[in-house]
Amino acid sequence: MKYMDHCCGIPTHSRGLKFRMKKLGSFWILSAVALLMFAPQGWVLAQEEETSAEVSKEDLVEAESSSCHTTLASGSGSTYLKICISNHGNLMQFESPYGSGDHIAQEGYALCSGQYVFGYDSGVYEAGCGNPTISQPNGPNTLPLTITRNCGCVNFKQVFARDTAEKDVTITMTFKNNCGYTIFDALLCRYFDGDMNGDSRDDIYDRTIDTVYARDGGYNGDGLSLTDLSFAASGGFIERYSDWSPDIGGGAKKCGGLWQNVYPTALGDYVGRQTYYFGAMASGVSKTVKVVYRRY
């Protein structure tokens, strides 16, 4: 069932329906035990066992953020940039240049203590985070834009900015421990299901320690990158969509994932992620990091 997207004025999806249809033909097998190991900063995170039967309805509440709260457009032709941001702080659309299609299918975040998840929001599904408080002093569809949510006992603040010349969007994120106790193995993830030029299964992803790159595999395909500007992330990581999808593999609901260890990848459907490991955080302590989405 289609409806008119508030941000774009074009027929789209209840985003969950689009992605279930988009991935319907994918063949996937979930392993009985998935173990995540990466230690660029000397730490190891074990991922819980996950099967499709373990994906509970409580963890698959359709997000109320599946439409645009703030829409911004600038330029024309090759300099065009259009973005929209949900009221939950998901980057719901990134189109540049004009006519290239929406490069983002889903985008969001997860906040964790080791394997315990305070909350996540993929833009399609969510759990654990409350209603947002929004500050937009210059009125609708303007910046600066600040969105704050409580995910369990963690306060999560996002501040959005853009650079029309560089064709990028910067998100400053603050993770604050309001739990009344020390959080151990505190983690914050930012991820995007990038379907370059508006289609999936023909994208190529690559990574460095600070950046995940996605580009369309076709001739003169466009690209989108997610970069850690704080130089504090544990690395840019790549996952198969089927491992990450909230309603299939479930990786979006966690701060760990099944990383691809061969890159650039083959043509396929992938997700890029930046993961921040804050370690032990005493009550009242906050950590602030910054990422940027940029056309390349």
C-alpha atoms as a PDB file:
ATOM      1  CA  MET A   1       0.000   0.000   0.000  1.00  0.00           C
ATOM      2  CA  LYS A   2       1.466   3.315  -1.062  1.00  0.00           C
ATOM      3  CA  TYR A   3       1.042   6.744   0.436  1.00  0.00           C
ATOM      4  CA  MET A   4       2.420  10.195  -0.247  1.00  0.00           C
ATOM      5  CA  ASP A   5       5.701  10.759   1.548  1.00  0.00           C
ATOM      6  CA  HIS A   6       5.426  13.961   3.583  1.00  0.00           C
ATOM      7  CA  CYS A   7       8.911  15.078   2.636  1.00  0.00           C
ATOM      8  CA  CYS A   8       8.992  14.421  -1.029  1.00  0.00           C
ATOM      9  CA  GLY A   9       5.459  14.529  -2.378  1.00  0.00           C
ATOM     10  CA  ILE A  10       6.053  11.329  -4.310  1.00  0.00           C
ATOM     11  CA  PRO A  11       4.438   7.902  -3.966  1.00  0.00           C
ATOM     12  CA  THR A  12       6.565   5.770  -1.687  1.00  0.00           C
ATOM     13  CA  HIS A  13       6.166   3.093   0.963  1.00  0.00           C
ATOM     14  CA  SER A  14       5.284   2.427   4.468  1.00  0.00           C
ATOM     15  CA  ARG A  15       9.068   1.985   4.504  1.00  0.00           C
ATOM     16  CA  GLY A  16       8.873  -1.469   6.067  1.00  0.00           C
ATOM     17  CA  LEU A  17       6.730  -2.741   3.188  1.00  0.00           C
ATOM     18  CA  LYS A  18       9.157  -1.477   0.574  1.00  0.00           C
ATOM     19  CA  PHE A  19      12.109  -3.193   2.189  1.00  0.00           C
ATOM     20  CA  ARG A  20      10.325  -6.456   2.794  1.00  0.00           C
ATOM     21  CA  MET A  21       9.390  -6.491  -0.919  1.00  0.00           C
ATOM     22  CA  LYS A  22      12.843  -5.315  -1.949  1.00  0.00           C
ATOM     23  CA  LYS A  23      14.547  -8.185  -0.167  1.00  0.00           C
ATOM     24  CA  LEU A  24      11.948 -10.885  -0.764  1.00  0.00           C
ATOM     25  CA  GLY A  25      14.006 -12.660  -3.385  1.00  0.00           C
ATOM     26  CA  SER A  26      17.169 -12.734  -1.315  1.00  0.00           C
ATOM     27  CA  PHE A  27      18.383 -16.156  -0.269  1.00  0.00           C
ATOM     28  CA  TRP A  28      19.678 -16.136   3.306  1.00  0.00           C
ATOM     29  CA  ILE A  29      20.760 -18.581   5.911  1.00  0.00           C
ATOM     30  CA  LEU A  30      21.293 -17.450   9.474  1.00  0.00           C
ATOM     31  CA  SER A  31      23.973 -19.363  11.368  1.00  0.00           C
ATOM     32  CA  ALA A  32      23.133 -20.908  14.722  1.00  0.00           C
ATOM     33  CA  VAL A  33      25.881 -18.976  16.459  1.00  0.00           C
ATOM     34  CA  ALA A  34      27.305 -15.700  15.185  1.00  0.00           C
ATOM     35  CA  LEU A  35      30.524 -14.458  16.719  1.00  0.00           C
ATOM     36  CA  LEU A  36      31.788 -10.946  16.101  1.00  0.00           C
ATOM     37  CA  MET A  37      35.430 -10.244  16.735  1.00  0.00           C
ATOM     38  CA  PHE A  38      37.298  -7.074  15.923  1.00  0.00           C
ATOM     39  CA  ALA A  39      39.849  -5.367  18.083  1.00  0.00           C
ATOM     40  CA  PRO A  40      41.239  -2.237  16.468  1.00  0.00           C
ATOM     41  CA  GLN A  41      41.366  -0.703  19.928  1.00  0.00           C
ATOM     42  CA  GLY A  42      42.015  -3.882  21.828  1.00  0.00           C
ATOM     43  CA  TRP A  43      38.477  -4.958  22.535  1.00  0.00           C
ATOM     44  CA  VAL A  44      36.267  -7.855  21.521  1.00  0.00           C
ATOM     45  CA  LEU A  45      32.510  -7.876  21.246  1.00  0.00           C
ATOM     46  CA  ALA A  46      30.660 -11.161  21.038  1.00  0.00           C
ATOM     47  CA  GLN A  47      27.380 -11.175  19.186  1.00  0.00           C
ATOM     48  CA  GLU A  48      24.440 -13.111  20.561  1.00  0.00           C
ATOM     49  CA  GLU A  49      22.997 -16.132  18.813  1.00  0.00           C
ATOM     50  CA  GLU A  50      20.329 -15.032  16.418  1.00  0.00           C
ATOM     51  CA  THR A  51      17.774 -16.925  14.353  1.00  0.00           C
ATOM     52  CA  SER A  52      14.713 -15.714  12.554  1.00  0.00           C
ATOM     53  CA  ALA A  53      12.544 -17.292  15.262  1.00  0.00           C
ATOM     54  CA  GLU A  54      14.187 -15.088  17.884  1.00  0.00           C
ATOM     55  CA  VAL A  55      13.161 -11.817  16.231  1.00  0.00           C
ATOM     56  CA  SER A  56      10.338 -10.764  18.540  1.00  0.00           C
ATOM     57  CA  LYS A  57       7.458  -8.498  17.647  1.00  0.00           C
ATOM     58  CA  GLU A  58       8.475  -6.189  20.478  1.00  0.00           C
ATOM     59  CA  ASP A  59      11.753  -5.523  18.675  1.00  0.00           C
ATOM     60  CA  LEU A  60      10.026  -4.919  15.347  1.00  0.00           C
ATOM     61  CA  VAL A  61       7.708  -2.034  16.090  1.00  0.00           C
ATOM     62  CA  GLU A  62       7.339   0.015  12.917  1.00  0.00           C
ATOM     63  CA  ALA A  63       9.047   3.334  13.475  1.00  0.00           C
ATOM     64  CA  GLU A  64       6.968   6.483  13.761  1.00  0.00           C
ATOM     65  CA  SER A  65       9.874   8.223  12.004  1.00  0.00           C
ATOM     66  CA  SER A  66       9.157   6.828   8.532  1.00  0.00           C
ATOM     67  CA  SER A  67       8.308  10.224   7.044  1.00  0.00           C
ATOM     68  CA  CYS A  68      10.209  13.481   6.787  1.00  0.00           C
ATOM     69  CA  HIS A  69      10.134  16.140   9.476  1.00  0.00           C
ATOM     70  CA  THR A  70      12.650  18.482   7.811  1.00  0.00           C
ATOM     71  CA  THR A  71      13.313  18.711   4.076  1.00  0.00           C
ATOM     72  CA  LEU A  72      16.158  20.759   2.598  1.00  0.00           C
ATOM     73  CA  ALA A  73      17.127  21.227  -1.057  1.00  0.00           C
ATOM     74  CA  SER A  74      19.791  23.330  -2.740  1.00  0.00           C
ATOM     75  CA  GLY A  75      21.480  23.739  -6.101  1.00  0.00           C
ATOM     76  CA  SER A  76      20.445  22.257  -9.443  1.00  0.00           C
ATOM     77  CA  GLY A  77      21.731  19.653 -11.858  1.00  0.00           C
ATOM     78  CA  SER A  78      25.152  18.409 -10.752  1.00  0.00           C
ATOM     79  CA  THR A  79      25.146  20.690  -7.672  1.00  0.00           C
ATOM     80  CA  TYR A  80      21.736  19.551  -6.448  1.00  0.00           C
ATOM     81  CA  LEU A  81      21.403  18.191  -2.907  1.00  0.00           C
ATOM     82  CA  LYS A  82      18.147  17.137  -1.278  1.00  0.00           C
ATOM     83  CA  ILE A  83      17.911  15.600   2.156  1.00  0.00           C
ATOM     84  CA  CYS A  84      15.128  14.863   4.574  1.00  0.00           C
ATOM     85  CA  ILE A  85      15.383  14.097   8.269  1.00  0.00           C
ATOM     86  CA  SER A  86      12.753  12.301  10.344  1.00  0.00           C
ATOM     87  CA  ASN A  87      11.515  13.513  13.712  1.00  0.00           C
ATOM     88  CA  HIS A  88      13.574  10.693  15.262  1.00  0.00           C
ATOM     89  CA  GLY A  89      16.793  11.869  13.609  1.00  0.00           C
ATOM     90  CA  ASN A  90      17.001   9.377  10.755  1.00  0.00           C
ATOM     91  CA  LEU A  91      18.397  10.614   7.446  1.00  0.00           C
ATOM     92  CA  MET A  92      15.506   9.437   5.281  1.00  0.00           C
ATOM     93  CA  GLN A  93      16.646  10.813   1.924  1.00  0.00           C
ATOM     94  CA  PHE A  94      19.920  11.845   0.281  1.00  0.00           C
ATOM     95  CA  GLU A  95      19.682  12.732  -3.385  1.00  0.00           C
ATOM     96  CA  SER A  96      22.614  14.257  -5.266  1.00  0.00           C
ATOM     97  CA  PRO A  97      22.993  15.077  -8.140  1.00  0.00           C
ATOM     98  CA  TYR A  98      19.506  15.857  -9.438  1.00  0.00           C
ATOM     99  CA  GLY A  99      17.699  12.836 -10.823  1.00  0.00           C
ATOM    100  CA  SER A 100      20.119  10.323  -9.276  1.00  0.00           C
ATOM    101  CA  GLY A 101      17.444   8.820  -7.053  1.00  0.00           C
ATOM    102  CA  ASP A 102      17.375   8.445  -3.295  1.00  0.00           C
ATOM    103  CA  HIS A 103      20.651   6.851  -2.167  1.00  0.00           C
ATOM    104  CA  ILE A 104      19.384   5.905   1.312  1.00  0.00           C
ATOM    105  CA  ALA A 105      16.841   3.156   1.930  1.00  0.00           C
ATOM    106  CA  GLN A 106      17.217   3.027   5.720  1.00  0.00           C
ATOM    107  CA  GLU A 107      19.440   4.958   8.143  1.00  0.00           C
ATOM    108  CA  GLY A 108      19.716   5.098  11.897  1.00  0.00           C
ATOM    109  CA  TYR A 109      21.475   4.186  15.100  1.00  0.00           C
ATOM    110  CA  ALA A 110      21.789   1.802  18.037  1.00  0.00           C
ATOM    111  CA  LEU A 111      22.932   2.442  21.632  1.00  0.00           C
ATOM    112  CA  CYS A 112      24.257  -0.426  23.703  1.00  0.00           C
ATOM    113  CA  SER A 113      26.137  -1.701  26.715  1.00  0.00           C
ATOM    114  CA  GLY A 114      27.938  -4.711  25.299  1.00  0.00           C
ATOM    115  CA  GLN A 115      25.178  -7.000  24.059  1.00  0.00           C
ATOM    116  CA  TYR A 116      22.478  -5.142  25.985  1.00  0.00           C
ATOM    117  CA  VAL A 117      20.621  -2.687  23.744  1.00  0.00           C
ATOM    118  CA  PHE A 118      19.194   0.512  25.229  1.00  0.00           C
ATOM    119  CA  GLY A 119      17.443   1.305  21.954  1.00  0.00           C
ATOM    120  CA  TYR A 120      17.716   1.350  18.180  1.00  0.00           C
ATOM    121  CA  ASP A 121      15.943   3.012  15.264  1.00  0.00           C
ATOM    122  CA  SER A 122      16.554   1.987  11.650  1.00  0.00           C
ATOM    123  CA  GLY A 123      13.995   4.401  10.235  1.00  0.00           C
ATOM    124  CA  VAL A 124      11.698   1.466   9.515  1.00  0.00           C
ATOM    125  CA  TYR A 125      11.727  -0.400  12.818  1.00  0.00           C
ATOM    126  CA  GLU A 126      12.618   0.758  16.304  1.00  0.00           C
ATOM    127  CA  ALA A 127      12.551  -0.220  19.967  1.00  0.00           C
ATOM    128  CA  GLY A 128      13.639   1.242  23.283  1.00  0.00           C
ATOM    129  CA  CYS A 129      13.719   4.973  22.458  1.00  0.00           C
ATOM    130  CA  GLY A 130      11.057   7.419  23.545  1.00  0.00           C
ATOM    131  CA  ASN A 131       9.392  10.374  21.866  1.00  0.00           C
ATOM    132  CA  PRO A 132      11.749  13.081  20.606  1.00  0.00           C
ATOM    133  CA  THR A 133      12.275  16.600  21.849  1.00  0.00           C
ATOM    134  CA  ILE A 134      12.980  18.857  18.866  1.00  0.00           C
ATOM    135  CA  SER A 135      14.653  22.256  18.744  1.00  0.00           C
ATOM    136  CA  GLN A 136      14.422  24.146  15.444  1.00  0.00           C
ATOM    137  CA  PRO A 137      14.737  27.850  16.292  1.00  0.00           C
ATOM    138  CA  ASN A 138      14.481  29.135  12.695  1.00  0.00           C
ATOM    139  CA  GLY A 139      11.222  27.353  11.962  1.00  0.00           C
ATOM    140  CA  PRO A 140      10.177  24.330   9.858  1.00  0.00           C
ATOM    141  CA  ASN A 141      12.579  22.920   7.267  1.00  0.00           C
ATOM    142  CA  THR A 142      15.571  24.893   8.553  1.00  0.00           C
ATOM    143  CA  LEU A 143      18.802  24.299  10.379  1.00  0.00           C
ATOM    144  CA  PRO A 144      20.095  24.128  13.035  1.00  0.00           C
ATOM    145  CA  LEU A 145      18.041  21.094  14.047  1.00  0.00           C
ATOM    146  CA  THR A 146      18.510  19.287  17.361  1.00  0.00           C
ATOM    147  CA  ILE A 147      16.663  16.056  18.159  1.00  0.00           C
ATOM    148  CA  THR A 148      16.907  14.462  21.621  1.00  0.00           C
ATOM    149  CA  ARG A 149      15.525  11.101  22.738  1.00  0.00           C
ATOM    150  CA  ASN A 150      15.804   8.917  25.810  1.00  0.00           C
ATOM    151  CA  CYS A 151      16.775   5.383  24.845  1.00  0.00           C
ATOM    152  CA  GLY A 152      16.243   3.484  28.047  1.00  0.00           C
ATOM    153  CA  CYS A 153      18.262   5.407  30.629  1.00  0.00           C
ATOM    154  CA  VAL A 154      20.606   6.896  27.998  1.00  0.00           C
ATOM    155  CA  ASN A 155      19.988  10.387  26.665  1.00  0.00           C
ATOM    156  CA  PHE A 156      20.773  10.599  22.943  1.00  0.00           C
ATOM    157  CA  LYS A 157      21.126  13.988  21.247  1.00  0.00           C
ATOM    158  CA  GLN A 158      21.640  14.602  17.513  1.00  0.00           C
ATOM    159  CA  VAL A 159      22.505  17.941  15.912  1.00  0.00           C
ATOM    160  CA  PHE A 160      22.274  18.248  12.121  1.00  0.00           C
ATOM    161  CA  ALA A 161      24.209  20.561   9.800  1.00  0.00           C
ATOM    162  CA  ARG A 162      24.863  20.577   6.050  1.00  0.00           C
ATOM    163  CA  ASP A 163      27.389  21.963   3.610  1.00  0.00           C
ATOM    164  CA  THR A 164      25.771  22.655   0.257  1.00  0.00           C
ATOM    165  CA  ALA A 165      29.132  23.206  -1.450  1.00  0.00           C
ATOM    166  CA  GLU A 166      30.575  19.895  -0.287  1.00  0.00           C
ATOM    167  CA  LYS A 167      27.243  18.041  -0.667  1.00  0.00           C
ATOM    168  CA  ASP A 168      27.346  16.650   2.828  1.00  0.00           C
ATOM    169  CA  VAL A 169      25.354  16.307   6.044  1.00  0.00           C
ATOM    170  CA  THR A 170      27.062  16.289   9.444  1.00  0.00           C
ATOM    171  CA  ILE A 171      25.485  14.671  12.499  1.00  0.00           C
ATOM    172  CA  THR A 172      26.904  15.425  15.947  1.00  0.00           C
ATOM    173  CA  MET A 173      25.806  12.745  18.435  1.00  0.00           C
ATOM    174  CA  THR A 174      25.970  12.841  22.227  1.00  0.00           C
ATOM    175  CA  PHE A 175      25.528   9.696  24.350  1.00  0.00           C
ATOM    176  CA  LYS A 176      24.846  10.598  27.997  1.00  0.00           C
ATOM    177  CA  ASN A 177      24.607   8.110  30.844  1.00  0.00           C
ATOM    178  CA  ASN A 178      21.546   8.974  32.934  1.00  0.00           C
ATOM    179  CA  CYS A 179      21.259   5.477  34.366  1.00  0.00           C
ATOM    180  CA  GLY A 180      22.447   6.184  37.901  1.00  0.00           C
ATOM    181  CA  TYR A 181      25.154   3.533  37.567  1.00  0.00           C
ATOM    182  CA  THR A 182      28.288   2.938  35.484  1.00  0.00           C
ATOM    183  CA  ILE A 183      27.676   1.628  31.985  1.00  0.00           C
ATOM    184  CA  PHE A 184      30.332  -0.853  30.916  1.00  0.00           C
ATOM    185  CA  ASP A 185      31.235  -1.442  27.263  1.00  0.00           C
ATOM    186  CA  ALA A 186      29.167   1.553  26.131  1.00  0.00           C
ATOM    187  CA  LEU A 187      28.657   1.546  22.368  1.00  0.00           C
ATOM    188  CA  LEU A 188      27.081   3.821  19.786  1.00  0.00           C
ATOM    189  CA  CYS A 189      26.501   2.809  16.162  1.00  0.00           C
ATOM    190  CA  ARG A 190      25.464   4.801  13.116  1.00  0.00           C
ATOM    191  CA  TYR A 191      24.479   2.858   9.994  1.00  0.00           C
ATOM    192  CA  PHE A 192      22.968   3.242   6.546  1.00  0.00           C
ATOM    193  CA  ASP A 193      21.365   0.874   4.072  1.00  0.00           C
ATOM    194  CA  GLY A 194      22.608   2.656   0.986  1.00  0.00           C
ATOM    195  CA  ASP A 195      20.881   1.711  -2.245  1.00  0.00           C
ATOM    196  CA  MET A 196      22.804   3.837  -4.701  1.00  0.00           C
ATOM    197  CA  ASN A 197      20.734   5.489  -7.454  1.00  0.00           C
ATOM    198  CA  GLY A 198      17.595   4.158  -5.803  1.00  0.00           C
ATOM    199  CA  ASP A 199      18.119   0.450  -6.421  1.00  0.00           C
ATOM    200  CA  SER A 200      19.663  -2.435  -4.518  1.00  0.00           C
ATOM    201  CA  ARG A 201      21.763  -5.555  -5.236  1.00  0.00           C
ATOM    202  CA  ASP A 202      24.132  -3.863  -7.654  1.00  0.00           C
ATOM    203  CA  ASP A 203      26.195  -1.777  -5.229  1.00  0.00           C
ATOM    204  CA  ILE A 204      29.877  -1.992  -4.340  1.00  0.00           C
ATOM    205  CA  TYR A 205      31.059  -1.097  -0.830  1.00  0.00           C
ATOM    206  CA  ASP A 206      34.570  -0.349   0.404  1.00  0.00           C
ATOM    207  CA  ARG A 207      36.048   0.874   3.676  1.00  0.00           C
ATOM    208  CA  THR A 208      38.961   2.449   5.496  1.00  0.00           C
ATOM    209  CA  ILE A 209      39.449   2.769   9.233  1.00  0.00           C
ATOM    210  CA  ASP A 210      37.413   6.005   9.194  1.00  0.00           C
ATOM    211  CA  THR A 211      35.046   5.710   6.228  1.00  0.00           C
ATOM    212  CA  VAL A 212      32.569   3.379   4.553  1.00  0.00           C
ATOM    213  CA  TYR A 213      32.022   4.000   0.840  1.00  0.00           C
ATOM    214  CA  ALA A 214      29.063   2.857  -1.251  1.00  0.00           C
ATOM    215  CA  ARG A 215      28.703   3.296  -5.004  1.00  0.00           C
ATOM    216  CA  ASP A 216      26.422   2.050  -7.698  1.00  0.00           C
ATOM    217  CA  GLY A 217      27.966  -0.716  -9.747  1.00  0.00           C
ATOM    218  CA  GLY A 218      26.607   0.638 -12.995  1.00  0.00           C
ATOM    219  CA  TYR A 219      28.307   2.898 -15.505  1.00  0.00           C
ATOM    220  CA  ASN A 220      28.981   6.328 -13.954  1.00  0.00           C
ATOM    221  CA  GLY A 221      27.216   5.236 -10.762  1.00  0.00           C
ATOM    222  CA  ASP A 222      26.955   7.713  -7.903  1.00  0.00           C
ATOM    223  CA  GLY A 223      28.480   7.232  -4.460  1.00  0.00           C
ATOM    224  CA  LEU A 224      27.804   8.019  -0.795  1.00  0.00           C
ATOM    225  CA  SER A 225      30.221   7.792   2.123  1.00  0.00           C
ATOM    226  CA  LEU A 226      29.868   7.728   5.923  1.00  0.00           C
ATOM    227  CA  THR A 227      32.937   9.119   7.702  1.00  0.00           C
ATOM    228  CA  ASP A 228      33.917   9.364  11.354  1.00  0.00           C
ATOM    229  CA  LEU A 229      34.991  12.975  11.930  1.00  0.00           C
ATOM    230  CA  SER A 230      35.981  12.400  15.553  1.00  0.00           C
ATOM    231  CA  PHE A 231      38.666   9.822  14.703  1.00  0.00           C
ATOM    232  CA  ALA A 232      37.273   7.837  17.593  1.00  0.00           C
ATOM    233  CA  ALA A 233      35.382   5.041  15.868  1.00  0.00           C
ATOM    234  CA  SER A 234      36.518   1.452  15.973  1.00  0.00           C
ATOM    235  CA  GLY A 235      36.360   1.428  12.209  1.00  0.00           C
ATOM    236  CA  GLY A 236      34.046   1.604   9.249  1.00  0.00           C
ATOM    237  CA  PHE A 237      32.352  -1.752   8.721  1.00  0.00           C
ATOM    238  CA  ILE A 238      30.302  -3.408   5.980  1.00  0.00           C
ATOM    239  CA  GLU A 239      27.487  -5.926   6.436  1.00  0.00           C
ATOM    240  CA  ARG A 240      25.242  -7.806   4.075  1.00  0.00           C
ATOM    241  CA  TYR A 241      21.730  -6.408   4.141  1.00  0.00           C
ATOM    242  CA  SER A 242      20.309  -9.821   5.043  1.00  0.00           C
ATOM    243  CA  ASP A 243      22.506  -9.941   8.178  1.00  0.00           C
ATOM    244  CA  TRP A 244      21.660  -6.370   9.195  1.00  0.00           C
ATOM    245  CA  SER A 245      17.945  -6.148   8.343  1.00  0.00           C
ATOM    246  CA  PRO A 246      15.812  -5.738  11.493  1.00  0.00           C
ATOM    247  CA  ASP A 247      13.267  -8.297  10.270  1.00  0.00           C
ATOM    248  CA  ILE A 248      15.747 -10.837   8.863  1.00  0.00           C
ATOM    249  CA  GLY A 249      19.201 -11.092  10.464  1.00  0.00           C
ATOM    250  CA  GLY A 250      18.554  -8.512  13.169  1.00  0.00           C
ATOM    251  CA  GLY A 251      21.951  -6.785  13.107  1.00  0.00           C
ATOM    252  CA  ALA A 252      20.316  -3.344  13.088  1.00  0.00           C
ATOM    253  CA  LYS A 253      19.015  -4.041  16.589  1.00  0.00           C
ATOM    254  CA  LYS A 254      22.543  -4.431  17.957  1.00  0.00           C
ATOM    255  CA  CYS A 255      25.859  -2.647  18.099  1.00  0.00           C
ATOM    256  CA  GLY A 256      27.653  -5.666  16.638  1.00  0.00           C
ATOM    257  CA  GLY A 257      27.390  -7.229  13.209  1.00  0.00           C
ATOM    258  CA  LEU A 258      28.679  -9.860  10.806  1.00  0.00           C
ATOM    259  CA  TRP A 259      31.351  -7.820   9.042  1.00  0.00           C
ATOM    260  CA  GLN A 260      32.468  -8.420   5.480  1.00  0.00           C
ATOM    261  CA  ASN A 261      36.213  -9.103   5.450  1.00  0.00           C
ATOM    262  CA  VAL A 262      36.719  -8.849   1.679  1.00  0.00           C
ATOM    263  CA  TYR A 263      36.467  -5.376   0.193  1.00  0.00           C
ATOM    264  CA  PRO A 264      35.779  -3.827  -2.173  1.00  0.00           C
ATOM    265  CA  THR A 265      32.766  -6.117  -2.136  1.00  0.00           C
ATOM    266  CA  ALA A 266      31.236  -7.927  -5.042  1.00  0.00           C
ATOM    267  CA  LEU A 267      28.042  -6.452  -6.466  1.00  0.00           C
ATOM    268  CA  GLY A 268      25.320  -6.816  -3.863  1.00  0.00           C
ATOM    269  CA  ASP A 269      23.116  -5.272  -1.198  1.00  0.00           C
ATOM    270  CA  TYR A 270      25.058  -3.991   1.818  1.00  0.00           C
ATOM    271  CA  VAL A 271      24.969  -1.712   4.843  1.00  0.00           C
ATOM    272  CA  GLY A 272      27.720   0.585   6.123  1.00  0.00           C
ATOM    273  CA  ARG A 273      28.301   1.211   9.825  1.00  0.00           C
ATOM    274  CA  GLN A 274      30.455   3.299  12.144  1.00  0.00           C
ATOM    275  CA  THR A 275      30.834   1.932  15.682  1.00  0.00           C
ATOM    276  CA  TYR A 276      32.041   3.921  18.687  1.00  0.00           C
ATOM    277  CA  TYR A 277      33.305   2.089  21.760  1.00  0.00           C
ATOM    278  CA  PHE A 278      33.256   4.336  24.830  1.00  0.00           C
ATOM    279  CA  GLY A 279      34.146   1.687  27.419  1.00  0.00           C
ATOM    280  CA  ALA A 280      33.119   2.369  31.028  1.00  0.00           C
ATOM    281  CA  MET A 281      31.009   5.496  31.503  1.00  0.00           C
ATOM    282  CA  ALA A 282      30.126   6.684  35.000  1.00  0.00           C
ATOM    283  CA  SER A 283      26.644   8.033  35.661  1.00  0.00           C
ATOM    284  CA  GLY A 284      26.273  11.578  34.348  1.00  0.00           C
ATOM    285  CA  VAL A 285      29.157  11.261  31.868  1.00  0.00           C
ATOM    286  CA  SER A 286      28.558  12.068  28.207  1.00  0.00           C
ATOM    287  CA  LYS A 287      30.511  11.328  25.023  1.00  0.00           C
ATOM    288  CA  THR A 288      30.177  13.335  21.804  1.00  0.00           C
ATOM    289  CA  VAL A 289      31.183  12.152  18.335  1.00  0.00           C
ATOM    290  CA  LYS A 290      30.557  13.358  14.819  1.00  0.00           C
ATOM    291  CA  VAL A 291      29.893  11.673  11.445  1.00  0.00           C
ATOM    292  CA  VAL A 292      29.370  13.063   7.965  1.00  0.00           C
ATOM    293  CA  TYR A 293      27.449  11.674   4.998  1.00  0.00           C
ATOM    294  CA  ARG A 294      28.961  12.955   1.767  1.00  0.00           C
ATOM    295  CA  ARG A 295      28.397  12.450  -1.944  1.00  0.00           C
ATOM    296  CA  TYR A 296      31.516  11.362  -3.787  1.00  0.00           C
END
